[in-house]
């Protein structure tokens, strides 16, 4: 289901590269939406993305606004799986809430 939402985001990102950047936040609204749909359920991701797009105007200050997700770390036995590369870093905010920060060097 999340791939259904990611297709228009990818299309928008490829078209928007032709124009100058004008998003008031980092990461941009389309990148924020992409991260949300990769890491959250579709309904939560759609709600968070809609709220973010509504905040992206002159009435709000802008700035850094990383996605926040609910995450439960795996048990120690699950940690022995092979990790090919790290795509996102999860930075603790509260007990089970984490900021999502993308590792741009993960694909090298």
PDB file of N, CA and C in Angstrom:
ATOM      1  N   UNK A   1       0.823  -1.201   0.000  1.00  0.00           N
ATOM      2  CA  UNK A   1       0.000   0.000   0.000  1.00  0.00           C
ATOM      3  C   UNK A   1       0.860   1.255   0.000  1.00  0.00           C
ATOM      4  N   UNK A   2       1.957   1.240   0.759  1.00  0.00           N
ATOM      5  CA  UNK A   2       2.800   2.425   0.819  1.00  0.00           C
ATOM      6  C   UNK A   2       3.456   2.718  -0.525  1.00  0.00           C
ATOM      7  N   UNK A   3       3.731   1.691  -1.312  1.00  0.00           N
ATOM      8  CA  UNK A   3       4.315   1.913  -2.647  1.00  0.00           C
ATOM      9  C   UNK A   3       3.355   2.687  -3.541  1.00  0.00           C
ATOM     10  N   UNK A   4       2.068   2.493  -3.331  1.00  0.00           N
ATOM     11  CA  UNK A   4       1.053   3.219  -4.083  1.00  0.00           C
ATOM     12  C   UNK A   4       1.206   4.727  -3.865  1.00  0.00           C
ATOM     13  N   UNK A   5       1.518   5.126  -2.635  1.00  0.00           N
ATOM     14  CA  UNK A   5       1.704   6.539  -2.316  1.00  0.00           C
ATOM     15  C   UNK A   5       3.088   7.046  -2.726  1.00  0.00           C
ATOM     16  N   UNK A   6       4.070   6.174  -2.766  1.00  0.00           N
ATOM     17  CA  UNK A   6       5.424   6.607  -3.092  1.00  0.00           C
ATOM     18  C   UNK A   6       5.606   6.919  -4.574  1.00  0.00           C
ATOM     19  N   UNK A   7       4.833   6.306  -5.446  1.00  0.00           N
ATOM     20  CA  UNK A   7       4.966   6.572  -6.878  1.00  0.00           C
ATOM     21  C   UNK A   7       4.717   8.037  -7.242  1.00  0.00           C
ATOM     22  N   UNK A   8       3.614   8.674  -6.782  1.00  0.00           N
ATOM     23  CA  UNK A   8       3.439  10.090  -7.107  1.00  0.00           C
ATOM     24  C   UNK A   8       4.512  10.982  -6.475  1.00  0.00           C
ATOM     25  N   UNK A   9       4.999  10.589  -5.301  1.00  0.00           N
ATOM     26  CA  UNK A   9       6.051  11.379  -4.652  1.00  0.00           C
ATOM     27  C   UNK A   9       7.319  11.334  -5.494  1.00  0.00           C
ATOM     28  N   UNK A  10       7.704  10.153  -5.975  1.00  0.00           N
ATOM     29  CA  UNK A  10       8.885  10.030  -6.828  1.00  0.00           C
ATOM     30  C   UNK A  10       8.720  10.818  -8.124  1.00  0.00           C
ATOM     31  N   UNK A  11       7.523  10.783  -8.707  1.00  0.00           N
ATOM     32  CA  UNK A  11       7.264  11.548  -9.934  1.00  0.00           C
ATOM     33  C   UNK A  11       7.386  13.045  -9.660  1.00  0.00           C
ATOM     34  N   UNK A  12       6.820  13.502  -8.548  1.00  0.00           N
ATOM     35  CA  UNK A  12       6.908  14.915  -8.185  1.00  0.00           C
ATOM     36  C   UNK A  12       8.362  15.339  -7.966  1.00  0.00           C
ATOM     37  N   UNK A  13       9.136  14.494  -7.286  1.00  0.00           N
ATOM     38  CA  UNK A  13      10.531  14.842  -7.024  1.00  0.00           C
ATOM     39  C   UNK A  13      11.334  14.946  -8.312  1.00  0.00           C
ATOM     40  N   UNK A  14      11.073  14.087  -9.269  1.00  0.00           N
ATOM     41  CA  UNK A  14      11.821  14.163 -10.529  1.00  0.00           C
ATOM     42  C   UNK A  14      11.429  15.405 -11.322  1.00  0.00           C
ATOM     43  N   UNK A  15      10.178  15.831 -11.256  1.00  0.00           N
ATOM     44  CA  UNK A  15       9.752  17.052 -11.954  1.00  0.00           C
ATOM     45  C   UNK A  15      10.243  18.296 -11.214  1.00  0.00           C
ATOM     46  N   UNK A  16      10.202  18.276  -9.887  1.00  0.00           N
ATOM     47  CA  UNK A  16      10.564  19.467  -9.109  1.00  0.00           C
ATOM     48  C   UNK A  16      12.053  19.795  -9.195  1.00  0.00           C
ATOM     49  N   UNK A  17      12.875  18.871  -9.633  1.00  0.00           N
ATOM     50  CA  UNK A  17      14.310  19.165  -9.793  1.00  0.00           C
ATOM     51  C   UNK A  17      14.550  20.191 -10.895  1.00  0.00           C
ATOM     52  N   UNK A  18      13.574  20.386 -11.755  1.00  0.00           N
ATOM     53  CA  UNK A  18      13.705  21.358 -12.843  1.00  0.00           C
ATOM     54  C   UNK A  18      13.488  22.787 -12.366  1.00  0.00           C
ATOM     55  N   UNK A  19      12.938  22.977 -11.184  1.00  0.00           N
ATOM     56  CA  UNK A  19      12.615  24.287 -10.651  1.00  0.00           C
ATOM     57  C   UNK A  19      13.444  24.575  -9.409  1.00  0.00           C
ATOM     58  N   UNK A  20      13.602  25.867  -9.054  1.00  0.00           N
ATOM     59  CA  UNK A  20      14.368  26.187  -7.833  1.00  0.00           C
ATOM     60  C   UNK A  20      13.644  25.696  -6.572  1.00  0.00           C
ATOM     61  N   UNK A  21      14.424  25.360  -5.572  1.00  0.00           N
ATOM     62  CA  UNK A  21      13.863  24.861  -4.306  1.00  0.00           C
ATOM     63  C   UNK A  21      13.157  25.998  -3.573  1.00  0.00           C
ATOM     64  N   UNK A  22      12.004  25.704  -2.994  1.00  0.00           N
ATOM     65  CA  UNK A  22      11.281  26.744  -2.261  1.00  0.00           C
ATOM     66  C   UNK A  22      10.581  26.207  -1.011  1.00  0.00           C
ATOM     67  N   UNK A  23      10.983  25.061  -0.519  1.00  0.00           N
ATOM     68  CA  UNK A  23      10.377  24.522   0.698  1.00  0.00           C
ATOM     69  C   UNK A  23      10.957  25.245   1.911  1.00  0.00           C
ATOM     70  N   UNK A  24      10.117  25.503   2.884  1.00  0.00           N
ATOM     71  CA  UNK A  24      10.530  26.247   4.074  1.00  0.00           C
ATOM     72  C   UNK A  24      11.139  25.340   5.143  1.00  0.00           C
ATOM     73  N   UNK A  25      11.110  24.048   4.923  1.00  0.00           N
ATOM     74  CA  UNK A  25      11.581  23.095   5.926  1.00  0.00           C
ATOM     75  C   UNK A  25      12.694  22.216   5.363  1.00  0.00           C
ATOM     76  N   UNK A  26      13.464  21.646   6.280  1.00  0.00           N
ATOM     77  CA  UNK A  26      14.391  20.584   5.924  1.00  0.00           C
ATOM     78  C   UNK A  26      13.988  19.377   6.752  1.00  0.00           C
ATOM     79  N   UNK A  27      13.847  18.221   6.194  1.00  0.00           N
ATOM     80  CA  UNK A  27      13.867  17.858   4.785  1.00  0.00           C
ATOM     81  C   UNK A  27      12.657  18.445   4.062  1.00  0.00           C
ATOM     82  N   UNK A  28      12.750  18.531   2.752  1.00  0.00           N
ATOM     83  CA  UNK A  28      11.655  19.115   1.977  1.00  0.00           C
ATOM     84  C   UNK A  28      10.376  18.311   2.205  1.00  0.00           C
ATOM     85  N   UNK A  29       9.260  18.895   1.856  1.00  0.00           N
ATOM     86  CA  UNK A  29       7.970  18.239   2.114  1.00  0.00           C
ATOM     87  C   UNK A  29       7.859  16.902   1.387  1.00  0.00           C
ATOM     88  N   UNK A  30       8.379  16.829   0.164  1.00  0.00           N
ATOM     89  CA  UNK A  30       8.284  15.560  -0.567  1.00  0.00           C
ATOM     90  C   UNK A  30       9.210  14.509   0.032  1.00  0.00           C
ATOM     91  N   UNK A  31      10.384  14.909   0.478  1.00  0.00           N
ATOM     92  CA  UNK A  31      11.301  13.962   1.128  1.00  0.00           C
ATOM     93  C   UNK A  31      10.729  13.506   2.469  1.00  0.00           C
ATOM     94  N   UNK A  32      10.114  14.425   3.200  1.00  0.00           N
ATOM     95  CA  UNK A  32       9.441  14.101   4.467  1.00  0.00           C
ATOM     96  C   UNK A  32       8.353  13.054   4.226  1.00  0.00           C
ATOM     97  N   UNK A  33       7.547  13.259   3.188  1.00  0.00           N
ATOM     98  CA  UNK A  33       6.477  12.314   2.862  1.00  0.00           C
ATOM     99  C   UNK A  33       7.053  10.949   2.499  1.00  0.00           C
ATOM    100  N   UNK A  34       8.134  10.950   1.742  1.00  0.00           N
ATOM    101  CA  UNK A  34       8.765   9.688   1.337  1.00  0.00           C
ATOM    102  C   UNK A  34       9.238   8.902   2.559  1.00  0.00           C
ATOM    103  N   UNK A  35       9.878   9.589   3.494  1.00  0.00           N
ATOM    104  CA  UNK A  35      10.352   8.926   4.713  1.00  0.00           C
ATOM    105  C   UNK A  35       9.181   8.402   5.527  1.00  0.00           C
ATOM    106  N   UNK A  36       8.116   9.208   5.627  1.00  0.00           N
ATOM    107  CA  UNK A  36       6.942   8.782   6.390  1.00  0.00           C
ATOM    108  C   UNK A  36       6.340   7.506   5.809  1.00  0.00           C
ATOM    109  N   UNK A  37       6.203   7.446   4.482  1.00  0.00           N
ATOM    110  CA  UNK A  37       5.582   6.274   3.875  1.00  0.00           C
ATOM    111  C   UNK A  37       6.502   5.054   3.913  1.00  0.00           C
ATOM    112  N   UNK A  38       7.793   5.252   4.030  1.00  0.00           N
ATOM    113  CA  UNK A  38       8.704   4.117   4.166  1.00  0.00           C
ATOM    114  C   UNK A  38       8.680   3.537   5.572  1.00  0.00           C
ATOM    115  N   UNK A  39       8.418   4.378   6.580  1.00  0.00           N
ATOM    116  CA  UNK A  39       8.588   3.942   7.961  1.00  0.00           C
ATOM    117  C   UNK A  39       7.307   3.874   8.786  1.00  0.00           C
ATOM    118  N   UNK A  40       6.202   4.369   8.276  1.00  0.00           N
ATOM    119  CA  UNK A  40       4.954   4.386   9.023  1.00  0.00           C
ATOM    120  C   UNK A  40       3.857   3.648   8.275  1.00  0.00           C
ATOM    121  N   UNK A  41       2.760   3.403   8.968  1.00  0.00           N
ATOM    122  CA  UNK A  41       1.569   2.892   8.296  1.00  0.00           C
ATOM    123  C   UNK A  41       1.048   3.969   7.353  1.00  0.00           C
ATOM    124  N   UNK A  42       0.318   3.570   6.337  1.00  0.00           N
ATOM    125  CA  UNK A  42      -0.144   4.507   5.310  1.00  0.00           C
ATOM    126  C   UNK A  42      -1.044   5.597   5.885  1.00  0.00           C
ATOM    127  N   UNK A  43      -1.945   5.251   6.798  1.00  0.00           N
ATOM    128  CA  UNK A  43      -2.846   6.266   7.342  1.00  0.00           C
ATOM    129  C   UNK A  43      -2.105   7.299   8.192  1.00  0.00           C
ATOM    130  N   UNK A  44      -1.168   6.855   9.023  1.00  0.00           N
ATOM    131  CA  UNK A  44      -0.382   7.786   9.830  1.00  0.00           C
ATOM    132  C   UNK A  44       0.510   8.649   8.950  1.00  0.00           C
ATOM    133  N   UNK A  45       1.116   8.028   7.946  1.00  0.00           N
ATOM    134  CA  UNK A  45       2.002   8.769   7.047  1.00  0.00           C
ATOM    135  C   UNK A  45       1.226   9.827   6.267  1.00  0.00           C
ATOM    136  N   UNK A  46       0.038   9.489   5.804  1.00  0.00           N
ATOM    137  CA  UNK A  46      -0.785  10.441   5.065  1.00  0.00           C
ATOM    138  C   UNK A  46      -1.200  11.604   5.949  1.00  0.00           C
ATOM    139  N   UNK A  47      -1.579  11.343   7.176  1.00  0.00           N
ATOM    140  CA  UNK A  47      -1.959  12.403   8.112  1.00  0.00           C
ATOM    141  C   UNK A  47      -0.775  13.317   8.400  1.00  0.00           C
ATOM    142  N   UNK A  48       0.391  12.735   8.747  1.00  0.00           N
ATOM    143  CA  UNK A  48       1.569  13.542   9.061  1.00  0.00           C
ATOM    144  C   UNK A  48       2.034  14.363   7.863  1.00  0.00           C
ATOM    145  N   UNK A  49       1.973  13.782   6.681  1.00  0.00           N
ATOM    146  CA  UNK A  49       2.388  14.490   5.475  1.00  0.00           C
ATOM    147  C   UNK A  49       1.435  15.635   5.171  1.00  0.00           C
ATOM    148  N   UNK A  50       0.142  15.411   5.330  1.00  0.00           N
ATOM    149  CA  UNK A  50      -0.838  16.467   5.093  1.00  0.00           C
ATOM    150  C   UNK A  50      -0.635  17.623   6.062  1.00  0.00           C
ATOM    151  N   UNK A  51      -0.415  17.316   7.338  1.00  0.00           N
ATOM    152  CA  UNK A  51      -0.165  18.371   8.322  1.00  0.00           C
ATOM    153  C   UNK A  51       1.110  19.142   7.996  1.00  0.00           C
ATOM    154  N   UNK A  52       2.121  18.453   7.553  1.00  0.00           N
ATOM    155  CA  UNK A  52       3.381  19.125   7.189  1.00  0.00           C
ATOM    156  C   UNK A  52       3.184  20.058   6.003  1.00  0.00           C
ATOM    157  N   UNK A  53       2.452  19.617   4.978  1.00  0.00           N
ATOM    158  CA  UNK A  53       2.216  20.452   3.803  1.00  0.00           C
ATOM    159  C   UNK A  53       1.384  21.684   4.182  1.00  0.00           C
ATOM    160  N   UNK A  54       0.435  21.521   5.092  1.00  0.00           N
ATOM    161  CA  UNK A  54      -0.353  22.664   5.541  1.00  0.00           C
ATOM    162  C   UNK A  54       0.486  23.679   6.313  1.00  0.00           C
ATOM    163  N   UNK A  55       1.546  23.218   6.989  1.00  0.00           N
ATOM    164  CA  UNK A  55       2.446  24.115   7.726  1.00  0.00           C
ATOM    165  C   UNK A  55       3.444  24.810   6.822  1.00  0.00           C
ATOM    166  N   UNK A  56       3.589  24.373   5.597  1.00  0.00           N
ATOM    167  CA  UNK A  56       4.625  24.910   4.703  1.00  0.00           C
ATOM    168  C   UNK A  56       4.091  26.157   3.986  1.00  0.00           C
ATOM    169  N   UNK A  57       3.977  27.259   4.738  1.00  0.00           N
ATOM    170  CA  UNK A  57       3.538  28.531   4.168  1.00  0.00           C
ATOM    171  C   UNK A  57       4.153  29.673   4.965  1.00  0.00           C
ATOM    172  N   UNK A  58       3.811  30.895   4.629  1.00  0.00           N
ATOM    173  CA  UNK A  58       4.425  32.070   5.254  1.00  0.00           C
ATOM    174  C   UNK A  58       3.979  32.294   6.699  1.00  0.00           C
ATOM    175  N   UNK A  59       2.932  31.646   7.140  1.00  0.00           N
ATOM    176  CA  UNK A  59       2.459  31.831   8.506  1.00  0.00           C
ATOM    177  C   UNK A  59       3.292  31.063   9.526  1.00  0.00           C
ATOM    178  N   UNK A  60       4.077  30.110   9.066  1.00  0.00           N
ATOM    179  CA  UNK A  60       4.925  29.309   9.950  1.00  0.00           C
ATOM    180  C   UNK A  60       6.383  29.631   9.668  1.00  0.00           C
ATOM    181  N   UNK A  61       7.197  29.475  10.685  1.00  0.00           N
ATOM    182  CA  UNK A  61       8.598  29.878  10.603  1.00  0.00           C
ATOM    183  C   UNK A  61       9.439  28.991   9.691  1.00  0.00           C
ATOM    184  N   UNK A  62       9.157  27.711   9.650  1.00  0.00           N
ATOM    185  CA  UNK A  62       9.988  26.785   8.873  1.00  0.00           C
ATOM    186  C   UNK A  62      11.149  26.296   9.719  1.00  0.00           C
ATOM    187  N   UNK A  63      12.136  25.691   9.084  1.00  0.00           N
ATOM    188  CA  UNK A  63      13.307  25.193   9.793  1.00  0.00           C
ATOM    189  C   UNK A  63      13.476  23.695   9.629  1.00  0.00           C
ATOM    190  N   UNK A  64      14.112  23.084  10.615  1.00  0.00           N
ATOM    191  CA  UNK A  64      14.353  21.646  10.571  1.00  0.00           C
ATOM    192  C   UNK A  64      13.172  20.940  11.232  1.00  0.00           C
ATOM    193  N   UNK A  65      12.588  19.988  10.519  1.00  0.00           N
ATOM    194  CA  UNK A  65      11.422  19.265  11.009  1.00  0.00           C
ATOM    195  C   UNK A  65      11.533  17.810  10.566  1.00  0.00           C
ATOM    196  N   UNK A  66      12.250  17.022  11.358  1.00  0.00           N
ATOM    197  CA  UNK A  66      12.420  15.608  11.022  1.00  0.00           C
ATOM    198  C   UNK A  66      11.149  14.839  11.359  1.00  0.00           C
ATOM    199  N   UNK A  67      10.840  13.793  10.597  1.00  0.00           N
ATOM    200  CA  UNK A  67       9.681  12.960  10.938  1.00  0.00           C
ATOM    201  C   UNK A  67       9.889  12.280  12.293  1.00  0.00           C
ATOM    202  N   UNK A  68       8.790  12.090  12.996  1.00  0.00           N
ATOM    203  CA  UNK A  68       8.818  11.400  14.286  1.00  0.00           C
ATOM    204  C   UNK A  68       7.986  10.126  14.126  1.00  0.00           C
ATOM    205  N   UNK A  69       8.586   8.995  14.477  1.00  0.00           N
ATOM    206  CA  UNK A  69       7.873   7.726  14.352  1.00  0.00           C
ATOM    207  C   UNK A  69       7.871   7.009  15.696  1.00  0.00           C
ATOM    208  N   UNK A  70       6.916   6.105  15.846  1.00  0.00           N
ATOM    209  CA  UNK A  70       6.861   5.233  17.010  1.00  0.00           C
ATOM    210  C   UNK A  70       7.592   3.952  16.636  1.00  0.00           C
ATOM    211  N   UNK A  71       8.525   3.538  17.476  1.00  0.00           N
ATOM    212  CA  UNK A  71       9.376   2.400  17.146  1.00  0.00           C
ATOM    213  C   UNK A  71       9.682   1.620  18.411  1.00  0.00           C
ATOM    214  N   UNK A  72       9.599   0.316  18.313  1.00  0.00           N
ATOM    215  CA  UNK A  72      10.005  -0.566  19.405  1.00  0.00           C
ATOM    216  C   UNK A  72      11.244  -1.320  18.935  1.00  0.00           C
ATOM    217  N   UNK A  73      12.370  -1.138  19.617  1.00  0.00           N
ATOM    218  CA  UNK A  73      13.595  -1.819  19.189  1.00  0.00           C
ATOM    219  C   UNK A  73      13.430  -3.330  19.219  1.00  0.00           C
ATOM    220  N   UNK A  74      14.117  -4.045  18.315  1.00  0.00           N
ATOM    221  CA  UNK A  74      14.030  -5.506  18.301  1.00  0.00           C
ATOM    222  C   UNK A  74      14.747  -6.117  19.504  1.00  0.00           C
ATOM    223  N   UNK A  75      14.415  -7.343  19.789  1.00  0.00           N
ATOM    224  CA  UNK A  75      15.090  -8.058  20.869  1.00  0.00           C
ATOM    225  C   UNK A  75      16.524  -8.380  20.437  1.00  0.00           C
ATOM    226  N   UNK A  76      17.364  -8.690  21.386  1.00  0.00           N
ATOM    227  CA  UNK A  76      18.778  -8.919  21.092  1.00  0.00           C
ATOM    228  C   UNK A  76      19.003 -10.059  20.104  1.00  0.00           C
ATOM    229  N   UNK A  77      18.191 -11.081  20.144  1.00  0.00           N
ATOM    230  CA  UNK A  77      18.378 -12.196  19.224  1.00  0.00           C
ATOM    231  C   UNK A  77      18.148 -11.786  17.773  1.00  0.00           C
ATOM    232  N   UNK A  78      17.318 -10.787  17.555  1.00  0.00           N
ATOM    233  CA  UNK A  78      17.046 -10.324  16.192  1.00  0.00           C
ATOM    234  C   UNK A  78      18.180  -9.450  15.652  1.00  0.00           C
ATOM    235  N   UNK A  79      19.047  -8.991  16.515  1.00  0.00           N
ATOM    236  CA  UNK A  79      20.123  -8.106  16.083  1.00  0.00           C
ATOM    237  C   UNK A  79      21.224  -8.843  15.331  1.00  0.00           C
ATOM    238  N   UNK A  80      21.215 -10.144  15.352  1.00  0.00           N
ATOM    239  CA  UNK A  80      22.279 -10.900  14.707  1.00  0.00           C
ATOM    240  C   UNK A  80      22.087 -11.012  13.196  1.00  0.00           C
ATOM    241  N   UNK A  81      21.004 -10.481  12.660  1.00  0.00           N
ATOM    242  CA  UNK A  81      20.780 -10.523  11.221  1.00  0.00           C
ATOM    243  C   UNK A  81      21.804  -9.629  10.522  1.00  0.00           C
ATOM    244  N   UNK A  82      22.109  -9.966   9.287  1.00  0.00           N
ATOM    245  CA  UNK A  82      23.059  -9.160   8.523  1.00  0.00           C
ATOM    246  C   UNK A  82      22.431  -7.823   8.133  1.00  0.00           C
ATOM    247  N   UNK A  83      23.161  -6.758   8.379  1.00  0.00           N
ATOM    248  CA  UNK A  83      22.721  -5.429   7.998  1.00  0.00           C
ATOM    249  C   UNK A  83      23.585  -4.997   6.823  1.00  0.00           C
ATOM    250  N   UNK A  84      22.970  -4.823   5.662  1.00  0.00           N
ATOM    251  CA  UNK A  84      23.731  -4.467   4.471  1.00  0.00           C
ATOM    252  C   UNK A  84      24.205  -3.027   4.523  1.00  0.00           C
ATOM    253  N   UNK A  85      23.315  -2.106   4.842  1.00  0.00           N
ATOM    254  CA  UNK A  85      23.690  -0.703   4.990  1.00  0.00           C
ATOM    255  C   UNK A  85      22.651  -0.010   5.850  1.00  0.00           C
ATOM    256  N   UNK A  86      23.043   1.067   6.451  1.00  0.00           N
ATOM    257  CA  UNK A  86      22.141   1.837   7.293  1.00  0.00           C
ATOM    258  C   UNK A  86      21.541   2.936   6.428  1.00  0.00           C
ATOM    259  N   UNK A  87      20.210   2.981   6.360  1.00  0.00           N
ATOM    260  CA  UNK A  87      19.531   3.991   5.547  1.00  0.00           C
ATOM    261  C   UNK A  87      19.047   5.146   6.417  1.00  0.00           C
ATOM    262  N   UNK A  88      18.555   4.842   7.613  1.00  0.00           N
ATOM    263  CA  UNK A  88      18.040   5.867   8.518  1.00  0.00           C
ATOM    264  C   UNK A  88      18.638   5.689   9.906  1.00  0.00           C
ATOM    265  N   UNK A  89      18.862   6.795  10.575  1.00  0.00           N
ATOM    266  CA  UNK A  89      19.244   6.783  11.981  1.00  0.00           C
ATOM    267  C   UNK A  89      18.024   7.186  12.786  1.00  0.00           C
ATOM    268  N   UNK A  90      17.786   6.502  13.894  1.00  0.00           N
ATOM    269  CA  UNK A  90      16.678   6.830  14.776  1.00  0.00           C
ATOM    270  C   UNK A  90      17.244   7.472  16.040  1.00  0.00           C
ATOM    271  N   UNK A  91      16.870   8.725  16.272  1.00  0.00           N
ATOM    272  CA  UNK A  91      17.354   9.489  17.420  1.00  0.00           C
ATOM    273  C   UNK A  91      16.220   9.582  18.439  1.00  0.00           C
ATOM    274  N   UNK A  92      16.436   9.146  19.683  1.00  0.00           N
ATOM    275  CA  UNK A  92      15.348   9.123  20.671  1.00  0.00           C
ATOM    276  C   UNK A  92      14.797  10.514  20.972  1.00  0.00           C
ATOM    277  N   UNK A  93      13.479  10.599  21.032  1.00  0.00           N
ATOM    278  CA  UNK A  93      12.797  11.828  21.439  1.00  0.00           C
ATOM    279  C   UNK A  93      12.151  11.609  22.795  1.00  0.00           C
ATOM    280  N   UNK A  94      11.284  10.622  22.872  1.00  0.00           N
ATOM    281  CA  UNK A  94      10.633  10.217  24.120  1.00  0.00           C
ATOM    282  C   UNK A  94      10.871   8.730  24.311  1.00  0.00           C
ATOM    283  N   UNK A  95      10.041   8.093  25.145  1.00  0.00           N
ATOM    284  CA  UNK A  95      10.264   6.686  25.454  1.00  0.00           C
ATOM    285  C   UNK A  95      10.209   5.789  24.219  1.00  0.00           C
ATOM    286  N   UNK A  96       9.169   5.922  23.374  1.00  0.00           N
ATOM    287  CA  UNK A  96       9.057   5.092  22.181  1.00  0.00           C
ATOM    288  C   UNK A  96       8.976   5.914  20.904  1.00  0.00           C
ATOM    289  N   UNK A  97       9.225   7.218  20.988  1.00  0.00           N
ATOM    290  CA  UNK A  97       9.196   8.080  19.807  1.00  0.00           C
ATOM    291  C   UNK A  97      10.621   8.420  19.393  1.00  0.00           C
ATOM    292  N   UNK A  98      10.853   8.407  18.084  1.00  0.00           N
ATOM    293  CA  UNK A  98      12.185   8.641  17.560  1.00  0.00           C
ATOM    294  C   UNK A  98      12.128   9.609  16.391  1.00  0.00           C
ATOM    295  N   UNK A  99      13.140  10.474  16.292  1.00  0.00           N
ATOM    296  CA  UNK A  99      13.329  11.292  15.105  1.00  0.00           C
ATOM    297  C   UNK A  99      13.976  10.410  14.040  1.00  0.00           C
ATOM    298  N   UNK A 100      13.616  10.622  12.791  1.00  0.00           N
ATOM    299  CA  UNK A 100      14.201   9.877  11.679  1.00  0.00           C
ATOM    300  C   UNK A 100      15.150  10.806  10.940  1.00  0.00           C
ATOM    301  N   UNK A 101      16.415  10.388  10.812  1.00  0.00           N
ATOM    302  CA  UNK A 101      17.416  11.157  10.079  1.00  0.00           C
ATOM    303  C   UNK A 101      18.023  10.236   9.037  1.00  0.00           C
ATOM    304  N   UNK A 102      18.042  10.693   7.807  1.00  0.00           N
ATOM    305  CA  UNK A 102      18.532   9.853   6.712  1.00  0.00           C
ATOM    306  C   UNK A 102      20.049   9.898   6.644  1.00  0.00           C
ATOM    307  N   UNK A 103      20.641   8.738   6.401  1.00  0.00           N
ATOM    308  CA  UNK A 103      22.083   8.625   6.205  1.00  0.00           C
ATOM    309  C   UNK A 103      22.340   8.656   4.706  1.00  0.00           C
ATOM    310  N   UNK A 104      22.794   9.793   4.196  1.00  0.00           N
ATOM    311  CA  UNK A 104      22.985   9.932   2.751  1.00  0.00           C
ATOM    312  C   UNK A 104      24.206   9.190   2.237  1.00  0.00           C
ATOM    313  N   UNK A 105      25.077   8.722   3.121  1.00  0.00           N
ATOM    314  CA  UNK A 105      26.229   7.942   2.701  1.00  0.00           C
ATOM    315  C   UNK A 105      25.942   6.461   2.638  1.00  0.00           C
ATOM    316  N   UNK A 106      24.711   6.054   2.851  1.00  0.00           N
ATOM    317  CA  UNK A 106      24.374   4.641   2.933  1.00  0.00           C
ATOM    318  C   UNK A 106      24.444   3.936   1.579  1.00  0.00           C
ATOM    319  N   UNK A 107      24.375   4.657   0.512  1.00  0.00           N
ATOM    320  CA  UNK A 107      24.311   4.025  -0.798  1.00  0.00           C
ATOM    321  C   UNK A 107      25.653   4.035  -1.524  1.00  0.00           C
ATOM    322  N   UNK A 108      26.698   4.388  -0.829  1.00  0.00           N
ATOM    323  CA  UNK A 108      28.017   4.451  -1.478  1.00  0.00           C
ATOM    324  C   UNK A 108      28.703   3.120  -1.470  1.00  0.00           C
TER     325      UNK A 108
END
